[in-house]
């Protein structure tokens, strides 16, 4: 249930539809967060009843993002991030991971859900040396994203573009590819693209659960084949080990051989 201490103001609540489940709030529930409603918990529980592994996918996706950001800061020298499809704040958000390693890092979050934006503005504080900003925009409007992000980020310097579990909300694969391409086209050489999404052809039970979810009234999320996810990186230089199950992307030293799960992603550099 929603934590009263972080509940949006009444005027913001009026914009939030609590009658249908919402992917960001369900994801927050699976991650152990409290910023969700009964309808989201019910949808999340219905999903896990069919496919309990979704909790592993959610948490593995988050861990993949953390390792991507750490690589970008430590090894690639990235100090600017554009995180599109922010989701509700949990532990170790993009700016927290980045600014822990480089306090001067600048991060722009993008989402179009009023609850996400309200919580982000209330909870996601930048380090004094860096900056965070929040854009109310849809992933299908890359021109607005770029125009407003340019107020905080310097597009003459490399940027880490994060599209984590967001392109699946774009039903048409060609359109999703065009969005990723347009955003990367605006960024200079030396920028990076991080993408991860739920994958087809790995776990039929996951696919069954996703079909049920997509018919629940929530905004559908479209699983894609590994080849389709890989296509988001066309024209870029994939960082080893390429597009793999998120559990297998540069796991922390000493981690037992991770299982393959139905969530694939990668990180690539713009030449």
Protein backbone atom coordinates (compact mmCIF):
# COMPACT_ATOMS: atom_id res chain seq x y z
CA UNK A 1 0.00 0.00 0.00
CA UNK A 2 1.02 3.62 -0.36
CA UNK A 3 3.22 5.06 2.36
CA UNK A 4 1.31 8.07 3.78
CA UNK A 5 4.58 9.90 4.27
CA UNK A 6 5.19 9.94 0.54
CA UNK A 7 1.63 10.06 -0.78
CA UNK A 8 1.22 12.70 -3.53
CA UNK A 9 -0.73 15.87 -2.78
CA UNK A 10 -4.53 15.81 -3.32
CA UNK A 11 -4.33 17.65 -6.64
CA UNK A 12 -1.76 15.12 -7.84
CA UNK A 13 -3.89 12.19 -6.66
CA UNK A 14 -6.71 13.50 -8.82
CA UNK A 15 -4.54 12.84 -11.89
CA UNK A 16 -3.67 9.29 -10.80
CA UNK A 17 -6.04 6.55 -11.91
CA UNK A 18 -6.12 4.04 -9.08
CA UNK A 19 -8.86 1.94 -10.69
CA UNK A 20 -6.49 0.10 -13.04
CA UNK A 21 -3.07 -1.38 -12.33
CA UNK A 22 -0.03 0.56 -13.48
CA UNK A 23 3.25 -1.04 -14.55
CA UNK A 24 5.50 1.35 -12.59
CA UNK A 25 3.57 0.76 -9.38
CA UNK A 26 3.46 -3.02 -9.90
CA UNK A 27 7.21 -3.03 -10.57
CA UNK A 28 7.68 -1.03 -7.38
CA UNK A 29 5.63 -3.65 -5.51
CA UNK A 30 7.76 -6.51 -6.88
CA UNK A 31 10.89 -4.63 -5.83
CA UNK A 32 9.56 -4.41 -2.28
CA UNK A 33 8.50 -0.75 -2.47
CA UNK A 34 5.44 0.81 -0.85
CA UNK A 35 4.40 3.29 -3.52
CA UNK A 36 1.50 1.33 -4.97
CA UNK A 37 -2.21 0.78 -4.51
CA UNK A 38 -4.39 -2.24 -3.77
CA UNK A 39 -5.18 -2.66 -7.46
CA UNK A 40 -1.44 -2.87 -8.21
CA UNK A 41 -0.83 -5.40 -5.45
CA UNK A 42 -3.71 -7.51 -6.74
CA UNK A 43 -2.35 -7.42 -10.29
CA UNK A 44 1.16 -8.16 -9.05
CA UNK A 45 -0.05 -11.10 -6.96
CA UNK A 46 -2.10 -12.45 -9.87
CA UNK A 47 1.02 -12.31 -12.02
CA UNK A 48 3.25 -14.04 -9.48
CA UNK A 49 0.60 -16.74 -8.98
CA UNK A 50 1.17 -17.71 -12.61
CA UNK A 51 4.86 -16.85 -12.80
CA UNK A 52 6.68 -16.37 -9.47
CA UNK A 53 9.90 -15.73 -11.39
CA UNK A 54 8.80 -12.19 -12.23
CA UNK A 55 10.21 -11.01 -8.90
CA UNK A 56 13.61 -12.40 -9.88
CA UNK A 57 13.31 -10.65 -13.25
CA UNK A 58 12.44 -7.32 -11.63
CA UNK A 59 15.32 -7.47 -9.17
CA UNK A 60 17.82 -8.81 -11.73
CA UNK A 61 16.85 -6.00 -14.11
CA UNK A 62 17.57 -3.47 -11.39
CA UNK A 63 20.93 -5.07 -10.60
CA UNK A 64 21.82 -5.04 -14.31
CA UNK A 65 21.13 -1.31 -14.43
CA UNK A 66 23.35 -0.71 -11.41
CA UNK A 67 26.24 -2.59 -13.04
CA UNK A 68 25.74 -0.66 -16.28
CA UNK A 69 25.91 2.67 -14.47
CA UNK A 70 28.98 1.62 -12.49
CA UNK A 71 30.73 0.60 -15.71
CA UNK A 72 29.83 3.87 -17.38
CA UNK A 73 31.16 5.96 -14.52
CA UNK A 74 34.27 3.95 -13.65
CA UNK A 75 35.42 2.65 -17.03
CA UNK A 76 33.83 4.93 -19.62
CA UNK A 77 34.10 8.21 -17.72
CA UNK A 78 30.43 9.12 -18.26
CA UNK A 79 29.17 11.94 -16.07
CA UNK A 80 25.77 12.60 -17.69
CA UNK A 81 22.75 10.29 -17.80
CA UNK A 82 19.35 10.47 -19.50
CA UNK A 83 17.06 7.91 -17.84
CA UNK A 84 13.84 7.53 -19.87
CA UNK A 85 11.04 5.65 -18.15
CA UNK A 86 12.29 6.32 -14.66
CA UNK A 87 9.75 4.32 -12.68
CA UNK A 88 9.03 4.88 -9.02
CA UNK A 89 11.99 5.58 -6.74
CA UNK A 90 13.40 2.58 -4.89
CA UNK A 91 16.86 1.96 -3.45
CA UNK A 92 19.91 2.94 -5.50
CA UNK A 93 18.31 5.00 -8.24
CA UNK A 94 20.37 6.11 -11.24
CA UNK A 95 21.68 9.33 -9.71
CA UNK A 96 22.49 7.64 -6.41
CA UNK A 97 24.62 4.97 -8.08
CA UNK A 98 26.29 7.49 -10.38
CA UNK A 99 26.88 10.23 -7.82
CA UNK A 100 28.20 7.79 -5.25
CA UNK A 101 31.06 7.19 -7.68
CA UNK A 102 31.17 10.67 -9.25
CA UNK A 103 29.38 13.34 -7.18
CA UNK A 104 29.49 15.78 -10.10
CA UNK A 105 27.31 13.52 -12.28
CA UNK A 106 24.20 15.08 -13.84
CA UNK A 107 21.04 13.04 -14.36
CA UNK A 108 17.78 13.77 -16.15
CA UNK A 109 14.83 11.50 -15.37
CA UNK A 110 11.93 11.18 -17.81
CA UNK A 111 8.46 9.79 -17.13
CA UNK A 112 4.87 10.67 -17.95
CA UNK A 113 3.15 9.28 -14.87
CA UNK A 114 2.14 11.96 -12.33
CA UNK A 115 2.75 9.66 -9.38
CA UNK A 116 6.26 8.83 -10.59
CA UNK A 117 7.09 12.50 -11.10
CA UNK A 118 5.66 13.55 -7.74
CA UNK A 119 7.71 10.95 -5.88
CA UNK A 120 10.83 11.61 -7.92
CA UNK A 121 10.78 15.32 -7.18
CA UNK A 122 10.14 14.64 -3.48
CA UNK A 123 12.70 11.89 -2.96
CA UNK A 124 15.48 12.05 -5.54
CA UNK A 125 17.91 14.65 -4.29
CA UNK A 126 21.12 15.39 -6.15
CA UNK A 127 24.53 15.67 -4.57
CA UNK A 128 25.61 19.33 -4.14
CA UNK A 129 28.24 18.91 -6.86
CA UNK A 130 25.89 17.38 -9.44
CA UNK A 131 22.34 17.87 -10.65
CA UNK A 132 19.09 16.02 -11.19
CA UNK A 133 16.12 17.15 -13.27
CA UNK A 134 12.74 15.65 -14.14
CA UNK A 135 10.88 15.78 -17.44
CA UNK A 136 7.18 15.08 -17.87
CA UNK A 137 7.24 13.42 -21.30
CA UNK A 138 6.30 10.22 -23.07
CA UNK A 139 8.91 7.91 -24.58
CA UNK A 140 7.13 8.34 -27.93
CA UNK A 141 8.01 12.06 -27.91
CA UNK A 142 11.81 12.05 -28.24
CA UNK A 143 11.87 15.64 -29.52
CA UNK A 144 10.42 16.98 -26.26
CA UNK A 145 12.72 14.75 -24.22
CA UNK A 146 15.79 16.06 -26.01
CA UNK A 147 14.71 19.70 -25.95
CA UNK A 148 14.09 19.76 -22.20
CA UNK A 149 17.03 17.51 -21.29
CA UNK A 150 19.36 19.96 -23.04
CA UNK A 151 18.58 22.46 -20.27
CA UNK A 152 20.48 20.23 -17.80
CA UNK A 153 22.78 18.08 -19.94
CA UNK A 154 25.53 19.22 -22.28
CA UNK A 155 24.97 17.38 -25.56
CA UNK A 156 28.48 18.27 -26.68
CA UNK A 157 29.75 15.79 -24.08
CA UNK A 158 28.98 12.03 -23.90
CA UNK A 159 25.74 10.92 -22.27
CA UNK A 160 24.59 7.56 -20.98
CA UNK A 161 21.07 6.93 -22.34
CA UNK A 162 19.07 4.45 -20.24
CA UNK A 163 16.01 2.71 -21.69
CA UNK A 164 15.28 0.15 -19.01
CA UNK A 165 12.04 -1.83 -19.45
CA UNK A 166 10.46 1.06 -21.34
CA UNK A 167 10.64 0.13 -25.03
CA UNK A 168 8.36 -2.83 -24.36
CA UNK A 169 5.56 -0.31 -23.88
CA UNK A 170 5.92 0.68 -27.54
CA UNK A 171 3.94 -1.97 -29.40
CA UNK A 172 5.50 -1.52 -32.83
CA UNK A 173 9.09 -2.70 -32.92
CA UNK A 174 10.02 -0.39 -35.79
CA UNK A 175 8.72 2.59 -33.82
CA UNK A 176 10.62 1.49 -30.71
CA UNK A 177 13.82 1.23 -32.77
CA UNK A 178 13.20 4.64 -34.28
CA UNK A 179 12.85 6.17 -30.81
CA UNK A 180 16.13 4.70 -29.61
CA UNK A 181 17.85 5.78 -32.82
CA UNK A 182 16.50 9.35 -32.63
CA UNK A 183 17.65 9.77 -29.04
CA UNK A 184 21.11 8.39 -29.80
CA UNK A 185 21.41 10.51 -32.96
CA UNK A 186 21.22 13.61 -30.77
CA UNK A 187 24.08 12.47 -28.54
CA UNK A 188 27.77 12.86 -29.40
CA UNK A 189 30.34 10.20 -30.15
CA UNK A 190 31.38 8.41 -26.98
CA UNK A 191 27.81 8.27 -25.65
CA UNK A 192 26.33 4.95 -24.56
CA UNK A 193 22.97 3.20 -24.88
CA UNK A 194 21.73 0.84 -22.15
CA UNK A 195 18.64 -1.24 -22.99
CA UNK A 196 16.99 -4.14 -21.22
CA UNK A 197 13.55 -5.64 -21.77
CA UNK A 198 11.57 -8.80 -21.20
CA UNK A 199 12.46 -11.45 -23.77
CA UNK A 200 10.47 -13.95 -25.82
CA UNK A 201 11.45 -17.54 -26.45
CA UNK A 202 13.01 -18.17 -23.04
CA UNK A 203 10.18 -19.07 -20.66
CA UNK A 204 6.66 -19.95 -21.92
CA UNK A 205 5.16 -19.51 -18.44
CA UNK A 206 6.45 -15.93 -18.37
CA UNK A 207 4.87 -15.32 -21.77
CA UNK A 208 1.56 -16.74 -20.55
CA UNK A 209 1.60 -14.50 -17.48
CA UNK A 210 2.40 -11.46 -19.63
CA UNK A 211 -0.54 -12.21 -21.94
CA UNK A 212 -2.86 -12.32 -18.93
CA UNK A 213 -1.43 -9.04 -17.65
CA UNK A 214 -1.82 -7.35 -21.02
CA UNK A 215 -5.50 -8.27 -21.02
CA UNK A 216 -6.08 -6.93 -17.48
CA UNK A 217 -6.69 -3.32 -18.51
CA UNK A 218 -3.17 -2.20 -17.68
CA UNK A 219 -1.00 -0.56 -20.32
CA UNK A 220 0.38 -3.55 -22.29
CA UNK A 221 4.04 -4.48 -22.19
CA UNK A 222 5.39 -6.29 -25.24
CA UNK A 223 8.04 -8.96 -24.86
CA UNK A 224 10.59 -9.15 -27.68
CA UNK A 225 12.96 -11.73 -29.06
CA UNK A 226 16.65 -11.47 -28.24
CA UNK A 227 17.29 -10.55 -31.89
CA UNK A 228 14.76 -7.70 -31.63
CA UNK A 229 16.40 -6.39 -28.46
CA UNK A 230 19.79 -6.65 -30.13
CA UNK A 231 18.50 -4.58 -33.04
CA UNK A 232 18.18 -1.55 -30.74
CA UNK A 233 21.98 -1.39 -30.79
CA UNK A 234 22.40 -1.33 -34.58
CA UNK A 235 25.23 1.00 -35.56
CA UNK A 236 26.71 0.99 -32.06
CA UNK A 237 29.65 -0.90 -30.54
CA UNK A 238 28.39 -3.48 -28.06
CA UNK A 239 30.35 -3.84 -24.85
CA UNK A 240 31.27 -7.43 -23.99
CA UNK A 241 29.49 -9.77 -23.42
CA UNK A 242 26.94 -8.21 -25.81
CA UNK A 243 23.19 -8.75 -25.45
CA UNK A 244 22.66 -11.47 -22.87
CA UNK A 245 20.36 -12.41 -20.03
CA UNK A 246 20.69 -9.51 -17.59
CA UNK A 247 21.97 -11.89 -14.93
CA UNK A 248 24.95 -12.71 -17.17
CA UNK A 249 26.02 -9.16 -18.02
CA UNK A 250 29.28 -8.69 -16.12
CA UNK A 251 28.09 -10.28 -12.86
CA UNK A 252 29.87 -9.21 -9.71
CA UNK A 253 33.10 -11.13 -8.99
CA UNK A 254 32.50 -14.29 -7.01
CA UNK A 255 28.89 -14.60 -8.16
CA UNK A 256 27.93 -18.22 -8.91
CA UNK A 257 27.17 -18.92 -12.58
CA UNK A 258 23.87 -17.07 -13.00
CA UNK A 259 20.80 -18.65 -14.53
CA UNK A 260 19.40 -17.41 -17.84
CA UNK A 261 16.17 -15.49 -17.27
CA UNK A 262 13.69 -13.97 -19.71
CA UNK A 263 15.13 -10.47 -19.50
CA UNK A 264 17.88 -9.50 -21.89
CA UNK A 265 19.94 -6.39 -22.26
CA UNK A 266 23.20 -4.83 -23.23
CA UNK A 267 25.31 -1.70 -23.31
CA UNK A 268 26.81 -0.15 -26.43
CA UNK A 269 29.01 2.83 -27.34
CA UNK A 270 28.32 5.31 -30.11
CA UNK A 271 31.44 5.46 -32.34
